[in-house]
Amino acid sequence: EYAVQALEAGYHVFCEKPLARSMEDASKITEAARRTGRFVAVGQCLRFWPAYTEAKKIIESGTYGAVRHAEFARYSPPATWAIDNWLAESKKSGNAALDLHVHDVDMIVFLFGKPTSLRSVGIPDGAGSFSHISTVYSYPDKSVLSTGGWAFPPSYPFNMIARWVMEKGAMELDFSRESVLTLYPESGEPKPVPLPPGDGYFHELQDFVTRVETGKAPDVVSADNAAASLEVTLLEIESARTGKEVSLA
């Protein structure tokens, strides 16, 4: 509602993720952006996070061949830092599936496009969503899976992890390690990957400000591609609820 009002008032909009709680609301935002000629950037910050952007460059370079397997994980203690603990209210936040796990879903869509189908399981929160969710995605040329949530105890440290198995090596991203991103070639020793300074929060806002100043619409993350990631995440919730595979074809 507020995003649409801001667009109709003539403003470009930066929207926190997820873009919306439903595809209906997401469509209202994307349609308002097209109607008003304004643009919407969305806080899918992994698309700007140096470790992930460097990993994407390495994958797209083809140096280590095609990706044959990828897995993503996001582990967190309960989200108690929000005002009035609103993140714990599934009707407001969508719980960990939509607030936390959506980051990895977005990275999967960013790297590989939408899957042809998916199947999910999770820990239900009793309010229609999940405090932890795990998904297997179907692609014709690779296996992809993800898992994440905040069902861990308060003493458990937050961490985000990703691994890629390629034809000529592997790569691991782990924020609990001194070397966050490491390459494992077929021969030779592991190679820590140097990362540029800053984090995804800084770079996504820097990009948004630059876009506003220049009038150039976002091309890394926009309302349309954030809506695609939202769609996949909502279908994961549906799959986990029903216990059935969901097709996106």
Protein backbone atom coordinates (compact mmCIF):
# COMPACT_ATOMS: atom_id res chain seq x y z
CA GLU A 1 0.00 0.00 0.00
CA TYR A 2 2.71 2.49 1.01
CA ALA A 3 4.91 1.50 -1.93
CA VAL A 4 2.04 2.11 -4.36
CA GLN A 5 1.21 5.45 -2.72
CA ALA A 6 4.84 6.57 -3.00
CA LEU A 7 5.02 5.56 -6.66
CA GLU A 8 1.79 7.39 -7.42
CA ALA A 9 3.19 10.46 -5.67
CA GLY A 10 6.08 10.42 -8.16
CA TYR A 11 8.81 8.84 -6.05
CA HIS A 12 11.21 6.04 -6.83
CA VAL A 13 10.91 3.40 -4.09
CA PHE A 14 13.30 1.21 -2.15
CA CYS A 15 11.29 -1.65 -0.65
CA GLU A 16 12.48 -4.11 1.98
CA LYS A 17 12.21 -7.76 1.05
CA PRO A 18 10.06 -9.64 0.49
CA LEU A 19 8.43 -7.36 -2.05
CA ALA A 20 5.02 -8.29 -0.60
CA ARG A 21 3.23 -11.00 1.38
CA SER A 22 1.29 -12.22 -1.65
CA MET A 23 1.59 -12.26 -5.42
CA GLU A 24 -1.54 -10.13 -5.62
CA ASP A 25 0.11 -7.36 -3.62
CA ALA A 26 3.36 -7.77 -5.55
CA SER A 27 1.45 -7.30 -8.80
CA LYS A 28 -0.04 -4.06 -7.49
CA ILE A 29 3.47 -2.72 -6.91
CA THR A 30 4.90 -3.81 -10.27
CA GLU A 31 1.84 -2.46 -12.10
CA ALA A 32 2.07 0.86 -10.24
CA ALA A 33 5.74 1.15 -11.20
CA ARG A 34 4.94 0.61 -14.87
CA ARG A 35 1.96 2.98 -14.75
CA THR A 36 3.84 5.82 -13.08
CA GLY A 37 7.18 5.42 -14.83
CA ARG A 38 8.91 5.20 -11.45
CA PHE A 39 11.11 2.29 -10.41
CA VAL A 40 11.26 0.00 -7.40
CA ALA A 41 14.44 -1.46 -5.93
CA VAL A 42 14.09 -4.31 -3.43
CA GLY A 43 16.37 -5.21 -0.52
CA GLN A 44 17.47 -8.60 -1.82
CA CYS A 45 20.91 -7.74 -0.54
CA LEU A 46 22.72 -10.95 -1.50
CA ARG A 47 22.75 -9.74 -5.09
CA PHE A 48 25.10 -6.99 -3.87
CA TRP A 49 27.01 -8.90 -1.17
CA PRO A 50 30.69 -9.14 -2.21
CA ALA A 51 31.09 -12.85 -1.46
CA TYR A 52 28.06 -13.73 -3.55
CA THR A 53 28.86 -11.30 -6.37
CA GLU A 54 32.40 -12.69 -6.63
CA ALA A 55 31.04 -16.25 -6.62
CA LYS A 56 28.67 -15.31 -9.45
CA LYS A 57 31.56 -13.85 -11.47
CA ILE A 58 33.57 -17.04 -11.02
CA ILE A 59 30.63 -19.21 -12.08
CA GLU A 60 29.88 -17.07 -15.13
CA SER A 61 33.55 -16.99 -16.18
CA GLY A 62 33.33 -20.69 -17.01
CA THR A 63 36.86 -21.26 -15.71
CA TYR A 64 35.75 -24.24 -13.62
CA GLY A 65 33.05 -25.45 -15.98
CA ALA A 66 29.31 -25.59 -15.47
CA VAL A 67 27.66 -25.88 -12.06
CA ARG A 68 26.46 -29.45 -11.48
CA HIS A 69 25.27 -29.04 -7.90
CA ALA A 70 24.53 -26.09 -5.61
CA GLU A 71 23.32 -25.83 -2.03
CA PHE A 72 22.46 -22.86 0.15
CA ALA A 73 21.91 -22.58 3.91
CA ARG A 74 20.91 -19.79 6.27
CA TYR A 75 20.84 -20.54 9.99
CA SER A 76 19.64 -18.15 12.67
CA PRO A 77 18.52 -17.99 16.28
CA PRO A 78 14.95 -16.73 16.82
CA ALA A 79 14.34 -13.26 15.35
CA THR A 80 13.74 -11.40 18.60
CA TRP A 81 15.32 -8.11 17.51
CA ALA A 82 12.22 -6.67 15.80
CA ILE A 83 10.08 -4.02 17.53
CA ASP A 84 7.29 -5.72 19.49
CA ASN A 85 8.66 -9.01 18.15
CA TRP A 86 6.60 -8.60 14.96
CA LEU A 87 8.85 -10.93 12.97
CA ALA A 88 7.53 -13.80 15.08
CA GLU A 89 3.99 -13.03 13.90
CA SER A 90 3.59 -15.09 10.78
CA LYS A 91 0.70 -13.05 9.38
CA LYS A 92 2.93 -9.96 9.35
CA SER A 93 6.33 -11.38 8.42
CA GLY A 94 5.67 -14.74 6.78
CA ASN A 95 8.04 -16.11 9.41
CA ALA A 96 11.51 -17.38 8.48
CA ALA A 97 10.36 -18.73 5.12
CA LEU A 98 9.56 -15.26 3.76
CA ASP A 99 11.87 -13.08 5.84
CA LEU A 100 15.05 -15.16 5.98
CA HIS A 101 14.92 -18.05 3.51
CA VAL A 102 13.78 -15.76 0.69
CA HIS A 103 17.36 -14.46 0.45
CA ASP A 104 18.67 -17.84 -0.69
CA VAL A 105 15.68 -18.37 -2.96
CA ASP A 106 16.46 -15.05 -4.60
CA MET A 107 20.11 -16.01 -5.09
CA ILE A 108 19.07 -19.31 -6.66
CA VAL A 109 16.74 -17.51 -9.07
CA PHE A 110 19.44 -14.88 -9.74
CA LEU A 111 22.01 -17.54 -10.64
CA PHE A 112 19.90 -20.20 -12.34
CA GLY A 113 16.46 -18.77 -13.12
CA LYS A 114 13.26 -20.28 -11.78
CA PRO A 115 13.17 -24.07 -11.36
CA THR A 116 10.73 -26.27 -13.27
CA SER A 117 9.38 -27.70 -10.01
CA LEU A 118 10.19 -27.89 -6.31
CA ARG A 119 9.40 -29.88 -3.19
CA SER A 120 9.68 -28.57 0.37
CA VAL A 121 9.47 -29.71 3.98
CA GLY A 122 9.67 -27.59 7.10
CA ILE A 123 8.92 -26.89 10.73
CA PRO A 124 5.38 -25.43 10.80
CA ASP A 125 4.78 -22.38 12.99
CA GLY A 126 1.08 -23.08 13.54
CA ALA A 127 0.10 -19.94 11.65
CA GLY A 128 0.43 -21.10 8.06
CA SER A 129 4.16 -20.64 7.52
CA PHE A 130 7.42 -22.21 8.66
CA SER A 131 10.20 -21.35 11.10
CA HIS A 132 12.55 -23.57 9.08
CA ILE A 133 12.14 -24.76 5.51
CA SER A 134 14.14 -27.01 3.19
CA THR A 135 13.64 -27.34 -0.55
CA VAL A 136 14.87 -29.39 -3.50
CA TYR A 137 14.58 -27.56 -6.84
CA SER A 138 14.35 -29.25 -10.24
CA TYR A 139 16.65 -28.05 -13.03
CA PRO A 140 17.48 -30.00 -16.19
CA ASP A 141 21.25 -29.83 -15.77
CA LYS A 142 22.01 -29.54 -12.04
CA SER A 143 20.83 -30.43 -8.56
CA VAL A 144 19.97 -27.50 -6.28
CA LEU A 145 18.80 -27.44 -2.69
CA SER A 146 18.41 -24.96 0.14
CA THR A 147 17.60 -24.94 3.82
CA GLY A 148 17.16 -22.18 6.37
CA GLY A 149 15.29 -20.71 9.28
CA TRP A 150 15.41 -19.35 12.79
CA ALA A 151 14.32 -22.44 14.71
CA PHE A 152 17.74 -22.71 16.34
CA PRO A 153 18.19 -21.83 20.04
CA PRO A 154 19.25 -18.28 21.05
CA SER A 155 22.82 -19.48 21.68
CA TYR A 156 23.23 -20.55 18.04
CA PRO A 157 25.22 -18.10 15.87
CA PHE A 158 23.80 -16.72 12.63
CA ASN A 159 25.53 -18.01 9.53
CA MET A 160 25.05 -18.13 5.77
CA ILE A 161 26.62 -20.83 3.63
CA ALA A 162 26.65 -21.78 -0.04
CA ARG A 163 28.46 -24.48 -1.98
CA TRP A 164 28.85 -25.06 -5.69
CA VAL A 165 30.21 -28.23 -7.33
CA MET A 166 31.45 -27.46 -10.83
CA GLU A 167 32.92 -29.61 -13.59
CA LYS A 168 36.49 -28.63 -12.74
CA GLY A 169 36.35 -27.73 -9.07
CA ALA A 170 34.19 -26.54 -6.22
CA MET A 171 33.56 -23.36 -4.29
CA GLU A 172 32.38 -22.74 -0.74
CA LEU A 173 31.02 -19.60 0.91
CA ASP A 174 30.89 -19.69 4.71
CA PHE A 175 30.63 -16.56 6.83
CA SER A 176 31.91 -18.36 9.93
CA ARG A 177 35.35 -18.77 8.36
CA GLU A 178 38.22 -16.34 8.10
CA SER A 179 38.25 -16.84 4.34
CA VAL A 180 34.57 -16.35 3.53
CA LEU A 181 34.85 -17.55 -0.09
CA THR A 182 37.20 -20.38 -1.06
CA LEU A 183 37.86 -22.10 -4.38
CA TYR A 184 38.81 -25.78 -4.53
CA PRO A 185 40.35 -26.52 -7.96
CA GLU A 186 40.77 -30.04 -9.34
CA SER A 187 44.50 -29.81 -8.71
CA GLY A 188 46.49 -27.70 -6.30
CA GLU A 189 45.63 -26.10 -2.99
CA PRO A 190 42.43 -24.32 -1.94
CA LYS A 191 42.36 -20.67 -3.02
CA PRO A 192 40.85 -17.99 -0.76
CA VAL A 193 39.05 -15.45 -2.95
CA PRO A 194 39.79 -11.76 -2.17
CA LEU A 195 36.62 -9.75 -1.61
CA PRO A 196 35.98 -6.04 -2.16
CA PRO A 197 35.08 -3.97 0.93
CA GLY A 198 31.57 -3.26 2.14
CA ASP A 199 28.50 -5.42 2.56
CA GLY A 200 25.28 -5.99 0.69
CA TYR A 201 23.36 -3.40 2.68
CA PHE A 202 25.79 -0.66 1.72
CA HIS A 203 26.08 -1.65 -1.93
CA GLU A 204 22.33 -2.04 -2.52
CA LEU A 205 21.64 1.42 -1.09
CA GLN A 206 24.57 2.93 -2.97
CA ASP A 207 23.17 1.46 -6.18
CA PHE A 208 19.68 2.80 -5.43
CA VAL A 209 20.98 6.33 -4.78
CA THR A 210 22.97 6.21 -8.03
CA ARG A 211 19.88 5.07 -9.91
CA VAL A 212 17.79 7.88 -8.46
CA GLU A 213 20.46 10.44 -9.36
CA THR A 214 20.86 9.17 -12.92
CA GLY A 215 17.27 8.11 -13.56
CA LYS A 216 18.42 4.65 -14.69
CA ALA A 217 16.15 1.83 -13.53
CA PRO A 218 17.72 -0.93 -11.37
CA ASP A 219 19.07 -3.87 -13.36
CA VAL A 220 20.48 -6.02 -10.55
CA VAL A 221 17.30 -6.28 -8.51
CA SER A 222 13.92 -4.84 -9.43
CA ALA A 223 10.28 -5.30 -8.49
CA ASP A 224 9.84 -7.80 -11.31
CA ASN A 225 12.69 -10.13 -10.38
CA ALA A 226 11.91 -9.76 -6.66
CA ALA A 227 8.37 -10.84 -7.52
CA ALA A 228 9.77 -13.94 -9.23
CA SER A 229 11.68 -14.88 -6.08
CA LEU A 230 8.59 -14.22 -3.97
CA GLU A 231 6.57 -16.54 -6.20
CA VAL A 232 9.07 -19.37 -5.74
CA THR A 233 9.14 -18.88 -1.96
CA LEU A 234 5.35 -18.87 -1.71
CA LEU A 235 5.23 -22.09 -3.72
CA GLU A 236 7.74 -23.61 -1.30
CA ILE A 237 5.39 -22.78 1.56
CA GLU A 238 2.54 -24.38 -0.39
CA SER A 239 4.62 -27.50 -1.01
CA ALA A 240 5.62 -27.79 2.64
CA ARG A 241 1.98 -27.40 3.69
CA THR A 242 0.64 -30.01 1.29
CA GLY A 243 3.58 -32.39 1.15
CA LYS A 244 3.38 -32.32 -2.64
CA GLU A 245 5.73 -31.32 -5.42
CA VAL A 246 4.78 -28.01 -7.05
CA SER A 247 5.30 -27.33 -10.75
CA LEU A 248 6.41 -23.95 -12.10
CA ALA A 249 6.37 -25.03 -15.74
